Protein backbone atom coordinates (compact mmCIF):
# COMPACT_ATOMS: atom_id res chain seq x y z
CA MET A 1 58.16 143.50 94.64
CA ALA A 2 59.71 142.38 91.37
CA PRO A 3 60.38 138.69 90.81
CA LYS A 4 63.95 137.49 90.96
CA GLN A 5 65.72 136.90 87.69
CA GLN A 6 66.63 133.37 86.76
CA GLN A 7 69.80 132.68 84.87
CA ILE A 8 69.82 129.84 82.39
CA ARG A 9 73.24 128.49 81.61
CA VAL A 10 73.77 126.61 78.38
CA GLN A 11 76.80 124.41 78.00
CA PRO A 12 78.74 124.98 74.82
CA ALA A 13 78.62 122.21 72.26
CA ASP A 14 82.38 121.77 71.95
CA ARG A 15 82.32 118.10 71.18
CA PRO A 16 79.40 116.02 70.02
CA ARG A 17 78.29 113.28 72.35
CA ARG A 18 78.67 109.83 70.94
CA VAL A 19 76.46 107.03 72.06
CA ALA A 20 78.49 103.91 72.57
CA SER A 21 77.29 101.27 70.17
CA ARG A 22 76.41 98.03 71.84
CA GLY A 23 76.98 94.65 70.39
CA TYR A 24 74.39 92.03 69.66
CA PHE A 25 74.47 90.59 73.18
CA GLY A 26 74.30 94.02 74.80
CA GLU A 27 71.20 94.91 72.80
CA ALA A 28 69.61 91.54 73.56
CA TYR A 29 70.30 91.92 77.28
CA SER A 30 68.83 95.41 77.41
CA ALA A 31 65.75 94.21 75.50
CA ILE A 32 65.25 91.27 77.85
CA THR A 33 65.67 93.32 81.02
CA SER A 34 63.48 96.23 79.96
CA PRO A 35 60.28 96.64 82.00
CA GLU A 36 58.18 96.71 78.83
CA ASN A 37 59.10 93.11 78.02
CA ALA A 38 58.87 91.67 81.54
CA SER A 39 55.60 89.79 80.98
CA VAL A 40 56.79 88.25 77.71
CA VAL A 41 60.10 87.14 79.22
CA ARG A 42 58.30 85.67 82.23
CA SER A 43 55.87 83.78 79.99
CA VAL A 44 58.66 82.32 77.87
CA ALA A 45 60.57 81.26 81.00
CA VAL A 46 57.52 79.52 82.50
CA PHE A 47 56.79 77.79 79.19
CA GLY A 48 60.40 76.59 78.97
CA ALA A 49 60.29 75.29 82.54
CA ALA A 50 57.02 73.43 81.82
CA VAL A 51 58.43 71.82 78.68
CA ALA A 52 61.57 70.79 80.56
CA PHE A 53 59.46 69.32 83.38
CA PHE A 54 57.11 67.36 81.11
CA SER A 55 59.98 65.95 79.04
CA SER A 56 61.83 64.73 82.12
CA SER A 57 61.24 61.69 84.24
CA TRP A 58 59.74 63.89 86.96
CA SER A 59 56.51 64.10 84.98
CA ASP A 60 55.83 60.42 85.82
CA PHE A 61 54.75 61.54 89.27
CA LEU A 62 51.69 63.15 87.71
CA LEU A 63 50.39 59.83 86.35
CA PRO A 64 47.76 58.08 88.49
CA ALA A 65 48.77 54.83 90.15
CA LEU A 66 47.35 51.73 88.49
């Protein structure tokens, strides 16, 4: 029994597709939210939270009582 024929349809290239250019904030947002950069973004966020904690008055609770 002969195999069935497959038809491949190609869409005509009437109009070229244009990629919408993003602005600076759009590119930054896509770079931050990409899965490749997740560990770097997480590390920067934890570092920023630690700096904010140690520069606040809440860090006094870590000092031993005298």
